[in-house]
Amino acid sequence: GAIDQGTSSSRFFVYKISSGEIVASTQVELNQEFPKEEWVEMDPEAVAESVIFCINKCVEDMKSKGLNVYKLHRIGLTNQRATTVAWSKSTGKPLAKAIVWLDTRTKSIIDNFILQCPSQDNNYLRPRCGLPFSTCFPALHIRWLIDNVPSVKNAIDEDDCLVGTIDSWLIYKLTGVHQ
């Protein structure tokens, strides 16, 4: 099977390994929120629920076709990568909305970094990592959350904060492994 969790939808596919034929698939559209200009957020719980719904629907479809769901041995995960989620280690609940990779609220953090670079150039890190500074980087989202969302800062101070991208969040929600 394959989870494809994107910015606008979540999908799940089950396919035959021998032929690549898709035997079940489900897609659910997702809402993005735009609370301020240049901000893009998502509800992390809604993202997880959409993936769980898609998986459950495909399992139902497989059963209705007489397919053995226990032959589904592996699930791959592709996702929107740089969308960032912070959640409570003790409750498993999000501490804030997910900051979507399209969001540019961290522009001022980048501007500050550039001013501290010897060359004061957006490409300062390119020779080291291959990329210029970008507002989509999760580390910048994390910095913004720490500086601007009291529940995130408090959870960090209390050693109760987990932060990751959507794939980390989904693995956390889907596996029940919380250590």
C-alpha atoms as a PDB file:
ATOM      1  CA  GLY A   1       0.000   0.000   0.000  1.00  0.00           C
ATOM      2  CA  ALA A   2       0.981   3.615  -0.302  1.00  0.00           C
ATOM      3  CA  ILE A   3      -0.039   6.723   1.619  1.00  0.00           C
ATOM      4  CA  ASP A   4       0.222   9.922  -0.425  1.00  0.00           C
ATOM      5  CA  GLN A   5      -0.390  12.779   1.988  1.00  0.00           C
ATOM      6  CA  GLY A   6      -0.276  16.085   0.113  1.00  0.00           C
ATOM      7  CA  THR A   7      -1.119  19.713   0.667  1.00  0.00           C
ATOM      8  CA  SER A   8      -4.581  19.467  -0.891  1.00  0.00           C
ATOM      9  CA  SER A   9      -5.514  15.813  -0.267  1.00  0.00           C
ATOM     10  CA  SER A  10      -4.689  12.500   1.365  1.00  0.00           C
ATOM     11  CA  ARG A  11      -4.775   9.292  -0.663  1.00  0.00           C
ATOM     12  CA  PHE A  12      -4.217   5.618  -0.018  1.00  0.00           C
ATOM     13  CA  PHE A  13      -3.607   2.977  -2.683  1.00  0.00           C
ATOM     14  CA  VAL A  14      -3.346  -0.777  -2.470  1.00  0.00           C
ATOM     15  CA  TYR A  15      -1.780  -2.473  -5.446  1.00  0.00           C
ATOM     16  CA  LYS A  16      -0.629  -5.904  -6.539  1.00  0.00           C
ATOM     17  CA  ILE A  17       3.131  -6.138  -6.346  1.00  0.00           C
ATOM     18  CA  SER A  18       3.278  -8.558  -9.276  1.00  0.00           C
ATOM     19  CA  SER A  19       1.475  -6.295 -11.760  1.00  0.00           C
ATOM     20  CA  GLY A  20       1.262  -2.849 -10.177  1.00  0.00           C
ATOM     21  CA  GLU A  21      -2.516  -2.996 -10.647  1.00  0.00           C
ATOM     22  CA  ILE A  22      -4.353  -0.789  -8.164  1.00  0.00           C
ATOM     23  CA  VAL A  23      -6.931  -2.919  -6.332  1.00  0.00           C
ATOM     24  CA  ALA A  24      -8.255  -0.216  -3.985  1.00  0.00           C
ATOM     25  CA  SER A  25      -7.788   3.532  -3.637  1.00  0.00           C
ATOM     26  CA  THR A  26      -9.385   6.403  -1.771  1.00  0.00           C
ATOM     27  CA  GLN A  27      -8.739  10.142  -1.784  1.00  0.00           C
ATOM     28  CA  VAL A  28      -9.979  12.824   0.625  1.00  0.00           C
ATOM     29  CA  GLU A  29      -9.620  16.551  -0.011  1.00  0.00           C
ATOM     30  CA  LEU A  30      -8.097  18.678   2.765  1.00  0.00           C
ATOM     31  CA  ASN A  31      -8.698  22.237   3.862  1.00  0.00           C
ATOM     32  CA  GLN A  32      -5.925  24.743   4.182  1.00  0.00           C
ATOM     33  CA  GLU A  33      -6.333  27.794   6.384  1.00  0.00           C
ATOM     34  CA  PHE A  34      -5.026  31.265   5.610  1.00  0.00           C
ATOM     35  CA  PRO A  35      -5.270  33.196   8.914  1.00  0.00           C
ATOM     36  CA  LYS A  36      -3.010  36.025   7.722  1.00  0.00           C
ATOM     37  CA  GLU A  37      -1.516  37.082   4.430  1.00  0.00           C
ATOM     38  CA  GLU A  38       1.291  34.698   3.423  1.00  0.00           C
ATOM     39  CA  TRP A  39       0.370  32.202   6.176  1.00  0.00           C
ATOM     40  CA  VAL A  40      -0.798  28.682   5.308  1.00  0.00           C
ATOM     41  CA  GLU A  41      -1.876  26.291   8.056  1.00  0.00           C
ATOM     42  CA  MET A  42      -3.549  22.920   8.411  1.00  0.00           C
ATOM     43  CA  ASP A  43      -5.219  21.093  11.274  1.00  0.00           C
ATOM     44  CA  PRO A  44      -2.814  18.217  12.111  1.00  0.00           C
ATOM     45  CA  GLU A  45      -5.651  16.078  13.502  1.00  0.00           C
ATOM     46  CA  ALA A  46      -7.637  16.523  10.284  1.00  0.00           C
ATOM     47  CA  VAL A  47      -4.608  15.399   8.277  1.00  0.00           C
ATOM     48  CA  ALA A  48      -4.182  12.248  10.404  1.00  0.00           C
ATOM     49  CA  GLU A  49      -7.928  11.522  10.353  1.00  0.00           C
ATOM     50  CA  SER A  50      -7.999  11.839   6.559  1.00  0.00           C
ATOM     51  CA  VAL A  51      -5.215   9.274   6.179  1.00  0.00           C
ATOM     52  CA  ILE A  52      -6.868   6.878   8.637  1.00  0.00           C
ATOM     53  CA  PHE A  53     -10.168   7.268   6.776  1.00  0.00           C
ATOM     54  CA  CYS A  54      -8.484   6.467   3.442  1.00  0.00           C
ATOM     55  CA  ILE A  55      -6.785   3.371   4.855  1.00  0.00           C
ATOM     56  CA  ASN A  56     -10.010   2.122   6.445  1.00  0.00           C
ATOM     57  CA  LYS A  57     -11.993   2.738   3.244  1.00  0.00           C
ATOM     58  CA  CYS A  58      -9.471   0.787   1.167  1.00  0.00           C
ATOM     59  CA  VAL A  59      -9.595  -2.092   3.654  1.00  0.00           C
ATOM     60  CA  GLU A  60     -13.409  -2.120   3.357  1.00  0.00           C
ATOM     61  CA  ASP A  61     -13.120  -2.053  -0.451  1.00  0.00           C
ATOM     62  CA  MET A  62     -10.643  -4.934  -0.414  1.00  0.00           C
ATOM     63  CA  LYS A  63     -12.932  -7.006   1.803  1.00  0.00           C
ATOM     64  CA  SER A  64     -15.936  -6.285  -0.442  1.00  0.00           C
ATOM     65  CA  LYS A  65     -13.895  -7.571  -3.416  1.00  0.00           C
ATOM     66  CA  GLY A  66     -13.007 -10.741  -1.530  1.00  0.00           C
ATOM     67  CA  LEU A  67      -9.360  -9.742  -1.180  1.00  0.00           C
ATOM     68  CA  ASN A  68      -7.335 -10.852   1.830  1.00  0.00           C
ATOM     69  CA  VAL A  69      -6.408  -7.654   3.737  1.00  0.00           C
ATOM     70  CA  TYR A  70      -3.777  -9.622   5.661  1.00  0.00           C
ATOM     71  CA  LYS A  71      -1.729  -9.813   2.463  1.00  0.00           C
ATOM     72  CA  LEU A  72      -1.122  -6.083   2.807  1.00  0.00           C
ATOM     73  CA  HIS A  73       2.382  -6.440   4.259  1.00  0.00           C
ATOM     74  CA  ARG A  74       3.905  -2.997   3.818  1.00  0.00           C
ATOM     75  CA  ILE A  75       2.832   0.598   3.552  1.00  0.00           C
ATOM     76  CA  GLY A  76       4.957   3.360   2.038  1.00  0.00           C
ATOM     77  CA  LEU A  77       4.516   7.019   2.903  1.00  0.00           C
ATOM     78  CA  THR A  78       5.097  10.059   0.758  1.00  0.00           C
ATOM     79  CA  ASN A  79       4.082  13.465   2.017  1.00  0.00           C
ATOM     80  CA  GLN A  80       4.364  17.215   1.782  1.00  0.00           C
ATOM     81  CA  ARG A  81       7.683  16.944   3.661  1.00  0.00           C
ATOM     82  CA  ALA A  82       8.356  20.445   5.000  1.00  0.00           C
ATOM     83  CA  THR A  83       4.983  21.032   6.687  1.00  0.00           C
ATOM     84  CA  THR A  84       5.762  21.174  10.408  1.00  0.00           C
ATOM     85  CA  VAL A  85       3.760  19.934  13.409  1.00  0.00           C
ATOM     86  CA  ALA A  86       4.385  20.369  17.158  1.00  0.00           C
ATOM     87  CA  TRP A  87       2.530  18.102  19.572  1.00  0.00           C
ATOM     88  CA  SER A  88       2.415  17.134  23.235  1.00  0.00           C
ATOM     89  CA  LYS A  89       4.427  14.068  24.174  1.00  0.00           C
ATOM     90  CA  SER A  90       2.047  13.304  27.064  1.00  0.00           C
ATOM     91  CA  THR A  91      -1.301  13.778  25.304  1.00  0.00           C
ATOM     92  CA  GLY A  92      -0.499  13.259  21.626  1.00  0.00           C
ATOM     93  CA  LYS A  93      -2.465  16.410  20.813  1.00  0.00           C
ATOM     94  CA  PRO A  94      -1.188  19.166  18.510  1.00  0.00           C
ATOM     95  CA  LEU A  95       0.121  22.271  20.248  1.00  0.00           C
ATOM     96  CA  ALA A  96      -0.626  24.494  17.246  1.00  0.00           C
ATOM     97  CA  LYS A  97      -1.789  24.326  13.665  1.00  0.00           C
ATOM     98  CA  ALA A  98       0.681  22.762  11.250  1.00  0.00           C
ATOM     99  CA  ILE A  99       2.735  25.325   9.356  1.00  0.00           C
ATOM    100  CA  VAL A 100       2.483  24.337   5.687  1.00  0.00           C
ATOM    101  CA  TRP A 101       5.555  24.389   3.447  1.00  0.00           C
ATOM    102  CA  LEU A 102       3.950  27.173   1.358  1.00  0.00           C
ATOM    103  CA  ASP A 103       3.804  29.497   4.383  1.00  0.00           C
ATOM    104  CA  THR A 104       6.228  32.447   4.310  1.00  0.00           C
ATOM    105  CA  ARG A 105       5.842  33.800   7.848  1.00  0.00           C
ATOM    106  CA  THR A 106       9.496  32.974   8.587  1.00  0.00           C
ATOM    107  CA  LYS A 107      10.809  35.542   6.087  1.00  0.00           C
ATOM    108  CA  SER A 108      11.971  37.862   8.883  1.00  0.00           C
ATOM    109  CA  ILE A 109      13.951  35.006  10.486  1.00  0.00           C
ATOM    110  CA  ILE A 110      15.713  34.428   7.161  1.00  0.00           C
ATOM    111  CA  ASP A 111      16.401  38.149   6.780  1.00  0.00           C
ATOM    112  CA  ASN A 112      17.995  38.090  10.244  1.00  0.00           C
ATOM    113  CA  PHE A 113      20.165  35.068   9.359  1.00  0.00           C
ATOM    114  CA  ILE A 114      21.306  36.726   6.129  1.00  0.00           C
ATOM    115  CA  LEU A 115      22.381  39.840   8.025  1.00  0.00           C
ATOM    116  CA  GLN A 116      24.547  37.627  10.271  1.00  0.00           C
ATOM    117  CA  CYS A 117      26.255  35.881   7.323  1.00  0.00           C
ATOM    118  CA  PRO A 118      29.675  37.227   6.352  1.00  0.00           C
ATOM    119  CA  SER A 119      28.512  37.709   2.746  1.00  0.00           C
ATOM    120  CA  GLN A 120      24.970  38.786   3.723  1.00  0.00           C
ATOM    121  CA  ASP A 121      23.819  36.610   0.850  1.00  0.00           C
ATOM    122  CA  ASN A 122      20.748  34.332   0.628  1.00  0.00           C
ATOM    123  CA  ASN A 123      22.996  31.729  -1.034  1.00  0.00           C
ATOM    124  CA  TYR A 124      25.494  31.627   1.848  1.00  0.00           C
ATOM    125  CA  LEU A 125      24.632  27.997   2.705  1.00  0.00           C
ATOM    126  CA  ARG A 126      24.289  26.781  -0.895  1.00  0.00           C
ATOM    127  CA  PRO A 127      27.898  25.475  -1.109  1.00  0.00           C
ATOM    128  CA  ARG A 128      27.336  23.492   2.107  1.00  0.00           C
ATOM    129  CA  CYS A 129      23.850  22.076   1.554  1.00  0.00           C
ATOM    130  CA  GLY A 130      22.919  22.871  -2.044  1.00  0.00           C
ATOM    131  CA  LEU A 131      20.062  25.217  -1.167  1.00  0.00           C
ATOM    132  CA  PRO A 132      19.559  28.892  -0.409  1.00  0.00           C
ATOM    133  CA  PHE A 133      17.727  29.979   2.738  1.00  0.00           C
ATOM    134  CA  SER A 134      14.021  29.251   2.297  1.00  0.00           C
ATOM    135  CA  THR A 135      10.853  29.882   4.284  1.00  0.00           C
ATOM    136  CA  CYS A 136       9.795  26.257   3.778  1.00  0.00           C
ATOM    137  CA  PHE A 137      12.542  24.830   6.010  1.00  0.00           C
ATOM    138  CA  PRO A 138      11.073  23.112   9.111  1.00  0.00           C
ATOM    139  CA  ALA A 139      13.848  24.429  11.376  1.00  0.00           C
ATOM    140  CA  LEU A 140      12.584  27.953  10.701  1.00  0.00           C
ATOM    141  CA  HIS A 141       8.996  26.869  11.366  1.00  0.00           C
ATOM    142  CA  ILE A 142      10.140  25.412  14.692  1.00  0.00           C
ATOM    143  CA  ARG A 143      11.944  28.632  15.601  1.00  0.00           C
ATOM    144  CA  TRP A 144       8.780  30.608  14.777  1.00  0.00           C
ATOM    145  CA  LEU A 145       6.597  28.264  16.865  1.00  0.00           C
ATOM    146  CA  ILE A 146       8.935  28.564  19.863  1.00  0.00           C
ATOM    147  CA  ASP A 147       8.997  32.352  19.610  1.00  0.00           C
ATOM    148  CA  ASN A 148       5.287  32.895  18.928  1.00  0.00           C
ATOM    149  CA  VAL A 149       3.162  30.066  20.333  1.00  0.00           C
ATOM    150  CA  PRO A 150       3.189  29.940  24.157  1.00  0.00           C
ATOM    151  CA  SER A 151       1.886  26.347  24.285  1.00  0.00           C
ATOM    152  CA  VAL A 152       4.901  25.203  22.250  1.00  0.00           C
ATOM    153  CA  LYS A 153       7.391  27.135  24.390  1.00  0.00           C
ATOM    154  CA  ASN A 154       5.756  25.842  27.602  1.00  0.00           C
ATOM    155  CA  ALA A 155       5.768  22.246  26.345  1.00  0.00           C
ATOM    156  CA  ILE A 156       9.482  22.547  25.516  1.00  0.00           C
ATOM    157  CA  ASP A 157      10.200  23.962  28.977  1.00  0.00           C
ATOM    158  CA  GLU A 158       8.294  21.012  30.499  1.00  0.00           C
ATOM    159  CA  ASP A 159      10.011  18.425  28.234  1.00  0.00           C
ATOM    160  CA  ASP A 160       6.608  17.641  26.696  1.00  0.00           C
ATOM    161  CA  CYS A 161       7.088  18.747  23.096  1.00  0.00           C
ATOM    162  CA  LEU A 162       7.623  16.660  19.988  1.00  0.00           C
ATOM    163  CA  VAL A 163       8.142  18.358  16.644  1.00  0.00           C
ATOM    164  CA  GLY A 164       8.373  16.903  13.190  1.00  0.00           C
ATOM    165  CA  THR A 165       7.174  17.061   9.640  1.00  0.00           C
ATOM    166  CA  ILE A 166       3.907  15.484   8.494  1.00  0.00           C
ATOM    167  CA  ASP A 167       5.531  12.065   8.010  1.00  0.00           C
ATOM    168  CA  SER A 168       6.705  12.030  11.652  1.00  0.00           C
ATOM    169  CA  TRP A 169       3.259  13.083  12.824  1.00  0.00           C
ATOM    170  CA  LEU A 170       1.529  10.404  10.762  1.00  0.00           C
ATOM    171  CA  ILE A 171       3.879   7.645  11.896  1.00  0.00           C
ATOM    172  CA  TYR A 172       3.271   8.768  15.485  1.00  0.00           C
ATOM    173  CA  LYS A 173      -0.511   8.699  14.980  1.00  0.00           C
ATOM    174  CA  LEU A 174      -0.643   5.470  12.957  1.00  0.00           C
ATOM    175  CA  THR A 175       1.705   3.283  14.991  1.00  0.00           C
ATOM    176  CA  GLY A 176       0.839   4.125  18.572  1.00  0.00           C
ATOM    177  CA  VAL A 177       4.577   4.124  19.263  1.00  0.00           C
ATOM    178  CA  HIS A 178       5.133   7.149  21.456  1.00  0.00           C
ATOM    179  CA  GLN A 179       8.598   6.803  22.930  1.00  0.00           C
END
